[in-house]
Amino acid sequence: MASGLSGDGLWLELRGTTLYSPFTALFSRSNHTGQHLQFIHSSGLKLVLDFPLYCRDKHGVGFHWLVSEQAQVQAGQALLHYDKALLSKPGLSFGLFLRIAPHSKIQSIHCRAGYHQALQDDLLAIQLVSA
C-alpha cells in the first residue's frame, strides 16, 4: 500500500472525512493534489504524511483544502476535507502513510496497532536521547 515511498512508517486507515493537524507546526504540501504533506514542529521534529500514489491521478479532485499550501497551523486545526468514496480504490483501505524524519534527539519511536481516535488517543510515543 505504500508502494513508491521510502523509509519506515505507519499505514493509517482513515475513517472520517477530515484531516486535522497533529500539532502546532509549519505545514506544507508539495503539489496541487496535496498527496505529500509535511509538518515541522518548532523543536525541529518533522512529520510527513503521504496519501496513496493513485490519489495523484485525481489531479486534486476529492480534496477540499481549508489552509493554503504553506501555513502555520495549530494543533487540532482542520486542514482538509476529503471525499473518501471518490479517492478510494475498490478492495483497498483508504488512508495515508506516516513517517517521522530522523532527528538527533529521537532515540526510538513506539506505536501500538489498533484504533486511535484522532485528537484524543496518542498514536506514537517518542523516546528522546538521554542527556
C-alpha atoms as a PDB file:
ATOM      1  CA  MET A   1       0.000   0.000   0.000  1.00  0.00           C
ATOM      2  CA  ALA A   2       2.941   2.317   0.498  1.00  0.00           C
ATOM      3  CA  SER A   3       4.368   1.492  -2.899  1.00  0.00           C
ATOM      4  CA  GLY A   4       6.906   4.040  -4.100  1.00  0.00           C
ATOM      5  CA  LEU A   5       7.531   5.511  -0.651  1.00  0.00           C
ATOM      6  CA  SER A   6      10.810   5.090   1.175  1.00  0.00           C
ATOM      7  CA  GLY A   7      11.654   4.826   4.855  1.00  0.00           C
ATOM      8  CA  ASP A   8       9.999   3.304   7.879  1.00  0.00           C
ATOM      9  CA  GLY A   9       6.497   4.424   8.611  1.00  0.00           C
ATOM     10  CA  LEU A  10       2.950   3.503   9.509  1.00  0.00           C
ATOM     11  CA  TRP A  11      -0.074   2.922   7.328  1.00  0.00           C
ATOM     12  CA  LEU A  12      -3.048   4.753   8.864  1.00  0.00           C
ATOM     13  CA  GLU A  13      -6.501   3.798   7.667  1.00  0.00           C
ATOM     14  CA  LEU A  14      -8.684   6.907   7.651  1.00  0.00           C
ATOM     15  CA  ARG A  15     -12.215   6.525   8.972  1.00  0.00           C
ATOM     16  CA  GLY A  16     -13.512  10.088   8.779  1.00  0.00           C
ATOM     17  CA  THR A  17     -13.559  12.743   6.076  1.00  0.00           C
ATOM     18  CA  THR A  18     -11.439  15.481   7.685  1.00  0.00           C
ATOM     19  CA  LEU A  19      -7.688  15.635   8.302  1.00  0.00           C
ATOM     20  CA  TYR A  20      -6.505  17.643  11.334  1.00  0.00           C
ATOM     21  CA  SER A  21      -3.096  19.000  12.261  1.00  0.00           C
ATOM     22  CA  PRO A  22      -1.384  16.641  14.736  1.00  0.00           C
ATOM     23  CA  PHE A  23       0.454  19.516  16.456  1.00  0.00           C
ATOM     24  CA  THR A  24       1.266  23.211  16.070  1.00  0.00           C
ATOM     25  CA  ALA A  25       3.640  23.399  13.124  1.00  0.00           C
ATOM     26  CA  LEU A  26       4.699  24.899   9.848  1.00  0.00           C
ATOM     27  CA  PHE A  27       2.582  22.980   7.335  1.00  0.00           C
ATOM     28  CA  SER A  28       3.319  22.472   3.653  1.00  0.00           C
ATOM     29  CA  ARG A  29       2.111  20.314   0.810  1.00  0.00           C
ATOM     30  CA  SER A  30       4.263  19.589  -2.190  1.00  0.00           C
ATOM     31  CA  ASN A  31       1.839  19.802  -5.072  1.00  0.00           C
ATOM     32  CA  HIS A  32      -1.699  20.806  -6.055  1.00  0.00           C
ATOM     33  CA  THR A  33      -3.001  17.320  -5.286  1.00  0.00           C
ATOM     34  CA  GLY A  34      -1.682  17.533  -1.735  1.00  0.00           C
ATOM     35  CA  GLN A  35      -0.505  13.949  -1.916  1.00  0.00           C
ATOM     36  CA  HIS A  36       2.655  14.750   0.139  1.00  0.00           C
ATOM     37  CA  LEU A  37       2.162  16.714   3.401  1.00  0.00           C
ATOM     38  CA  GLN A  38       4.793  17.894   5.855  1.00  0.00           C
ATOM     39  CA  PHE A  39       4.596  19.290   9.395  1.00  0.00           C
ATOM     40  CA  ILE A  40       7.652  20.877  11.049  1.00  0.00           C
ATOM     41  CA  HIS A  41       7.417  21.451  14.806  1.00  0.00           C
ATOM     42  CA  SER A  42       9.369  24.289  16.450  1.00  0.00           C
ATOM     43  CA  SER A  43      11.646  21.625  18.033  1.00  0.00           C
ATOM     44  CA  GLY A  44      12.697  20.505  14.545  1.00  0.00           C
ATOM     45  CA  LEU A  45      10.571  17.334  14.554  1.00  0.00           C
ATOM     46  CA  LYS A  46       9.383  16.662  11.008  1.00  0.00           C
ATOM     47  CA  LEU A  47       6.309  14.520  10.337  1.00  0.00           C
ATOM     48  CA  VAL A  48       5.458  13.526   6.765  1.00  0.00           C
ATOM     49  CA  LEU A  49       2.096  12.202   5.537  1.00  0.00           C
ATOM     50  CA  ASP A  50       1.608  10.707   2.092  1.00  0.00           C
ATOM     51  CA  PHE A  51      -1.728   9.800   0.583  1.00  0.00           C
ATOM     52  CA  PRO A  52      -1.633   6.795  -1.770  1.00  0.00           C
ATOM     53  CA  LEU A  53       0.111   7.497  -5.063  1.00  0.00           C
ATOM     54  CA  TYR A  54      -3.098   6.805  -7.004  1.00  0.00           C
ATOM     55  CA  CYS A  55      -4.630   9.954  -5.420  1.00  0.00           C
ATOM     56  CA  ARG A  56      -2.255  11.976  -7.576  1.00  0.00           C
ATOM     57  CA  ASP A  57      -4.110  10.659 -10.636  1.00  0.00           C
ATOM     58  CA  LYS A  58      -7.246  12.501  -9.480  1.00  0.00           C
ATOM     59  CA  HIS A  59      -5.471  15.862 -10.056  1.00  0.00           C
ATOM     60  CA  GLY A  60      -6.773  17.319  -6.798  1.00  0.00           C
ATOM     61  CA  VAL A  61     -10.396  16.218  -7.255  1.00  0.00           C
ATOM     62  CA  GLY A  62     -11.722  14.882  -3.963  1.00  0.00           C
ATOM     63  CA  PHE A  63      -9.568  17.202  -1.829  1.00  0.00           C
ATOM     64  CA  HIS A  64     -11.037  20.414  -0.369  1.00  0.00           C
ATOM     65  CA  TRP A  65      -8.204  22.307   1.323  1.00  0.00           C
ATOM     66  CA  LEU A  66      -9.015  24.531   4.312  1.00  0.00           C
ATOM     67  CA  VAL A  67      -5.485  26.015   4.556  1.00  0.00           C
ATOM     68  CA  SER A  68      -3.010  27.317   1.992  1.00  0.00           C
ATOM     69  CA  GLU A  69      -0.091  25.261   0.607  1.00  0.00           C
ATOM     70  CA  GLN A  70       2.221  26.705   3.270  1.00  0.00           C
ATOM     71  CA  ALA A  71       0.781  27.836   6.581  1.00  0.00           C
ATOM     72  CA  GLN A  72       1.401  27.995  10.290  1.00  0.00           C
ATOM     73  CA  VAL A  73      -1.227  25.648  11.746  1.00  0.00           C
ATOM     74  CA  GLN A  74      -2.386  24.933  15.278  1.00  0.00           C
ATOM     75  CA  ALA A  75      -2.785  21.531  16.943  1.00  0.00           C
ATOM     76  CA  GLY A  76      -6.197  20.121  16.039  1.00  0.00           C
ATOM     77  CA  GLN A  77      -6.846  22.606  13.233  1.00  0.00           C
ATOM     78  CA  ALA A  78      -8.888  21.201  10.333  1.00  0.00           C
ATOM     79  CA  LEU A  79      -6.679  21.117   7.219  1.00  0.00           C
ATOM     80  CA  LEU A  80      -8.563  19.143   4.632  1.00  0.00           C
ATOM     81  CA  HIS A  81     -11.931  17.621   3.823  1.00  0.00           C
ATOM     82  CA  TYR A  82     -11.532  14.628   1.527  1.00  0.00           C
ATOM     83  CA  ASP A  83     -14.052  12.577  -0.426  1.00  0.00           C
ATOM     84  CA  LYS A  84     -13.198   9.085   0.725  1.00  0.00           C
ATOM     85  CA  ALA A  85     -15.594   7.397  -1.724  1.00  0.00           C
ATOM     86  CA  LEU A  86     -14.114   9.237  -4.712  1.00  0.00           C
ATOM     87  CA  LEU A  87     -10.485   8.714  -3.674  1.00  0.00           C
ATOM     88  CA  SER A  88     -10.724   5.063  -2.559  1.00  0.00           C
ATOM     89  CA  LYS A  89      -9.817   2.103  -4.713  1.00  0.00           C
ATOM     90  CA  PRO A  90     -12.020  -0.998  -4.577  1.00  0.00           C
ATOM     91  CA  GLY A  91     -10.654  -3.632  -2.234  1.00  0.00           C
ATOM     92  CA  LEU A  92      -8.096  -1.327  -0.567  1.00  0.00           C
ATOM     93  CA  SER A  93      -8.372   0.548   2.700  1.00  0.00           C
ATOM     94  CA  PHE A  94      -8.126   4.316   2.299  1.00  0.00           C
ATOM     95  CA  GLY A  95      -5.510   6.037   4.384  1.00  0.00           C
ATOM     96  CA  LEU A  96      -2.096   7.582   4.415  1.00  0.00           C
ATOM     97  CA  PHE A  97       1.495   6.679   5.155  1.00  0.00           C
ATOM     98  CA  LEU A  98       3.042   8.431   8.188  1.00  0.00           C
ATOM     99  CA  ARG A  99       6.792   8.910   8.610  1.00  0.00           C
ATOM    100  CA  ILE A 100       8.908  10.835  11.091  1.00  0.00           C
ATOM    101  CA  ALA A 101      12.149  12.176   9.655  1.00  0.00           C
ATOM    102  CA  PRO A 102      15.327  11.183  11.545  1.00  0.00           C
ATOM    103  CA  HIS A 103      16.183  13.647  14.308  1.00  0.00           C
ATOM    104  CA  SER A 104      19.238  13.777  16.569  1.00  0.00           C
ATOM    105  CA  LYS A 105      17.082  13.979  19.721  1.00  0.00           C
ATOM    106  CA  ILE A 106      14.997  10.863  18.963  1.00  0.00           C
ATOM    107  CA  GLN A 107      16.267   7.545  20.313  1.00  0.00           C
ATOM    108  CA  SER A 108      13.241   5.414  19.399  1.00  0.00           C
ATOM    109  CA  ILE A 109       9.597   5.610  18.404  1.00  0.00           C
ATOM    110  CA  HIS A 110       6.924   3.247  19.681  1.00  0.00           C
ATOM    111  CA  CYS A 111       3.413   2.610  18.397  1.00  0.00           C
ATOM    112  CA  ARG A 112       0.606   0.182  19.104  1.00  0.00           C
ATOM    113  CA  ALA A 113      -1.583  -1.387  16.471  1.00  0.00           C
ATOM    114  CA  GLY A 114      -5.298  -0.760  16.654  1.00  0.00           C
ATOM    115  CA  TYR A 115      -7.862   2.004  16.504  1.00  0.00           C
ATOM    116  CA  HIS A 116      -6.736   5.510  17.519  1.00  0.00           C
ATOM    117  CA  GLN A 117      -9.278   8.320  17.915  1.00  0.00           C
ATOM    118  CA  ALA A 118      -7.889  11.403  16.187  1.00  0.00           C
ATOM    119  CA  LEU A 119      -7.005  14.239  18.577  1.00  0.00           C
ATOM    120  CA  GLN A 120      -7.758  12.031  21.609  1.00  0.00           C
ATOM    121  CA  ASP A 121      -5.520   8.949  21.545  1.00  0.00           C
ATOM    122  CA  ASP A 122      -1.746   9.028  21.354  1.00  0.00           C
ATOM    123  CA  LEU A 123      -0.536   7.326  18.187  1.00  0.00           C
ATOM    124  CA  LEU A 124       3.209   7.449  18.863  1.00  0.00           C
ATOM    125  CA  ALA A 125       5.461   7.533  21.906  1.00  0.00           C
ATOM    126  CA  ILE A 126       8.826   9.129  21.148  1.00  0.00           C
ATOM    127  CA  GLN A 127      11.746   8.267  23.417  1.00  0.00           C
ATOM    128  CA  LEU A 128      14.303  11.048  23.458  1.00  0.00           C
ATOM    129  CA  VAL A 129      18.051  10.620  23.683  1.00  0.00           C
ATOM    130  CA  SER A 130      19.270  10.913  27.295  1.00  0.00           C
ATOM    131  CA  ALA A 131      21.453  13.935  28.002  1.00  0.00           C
END
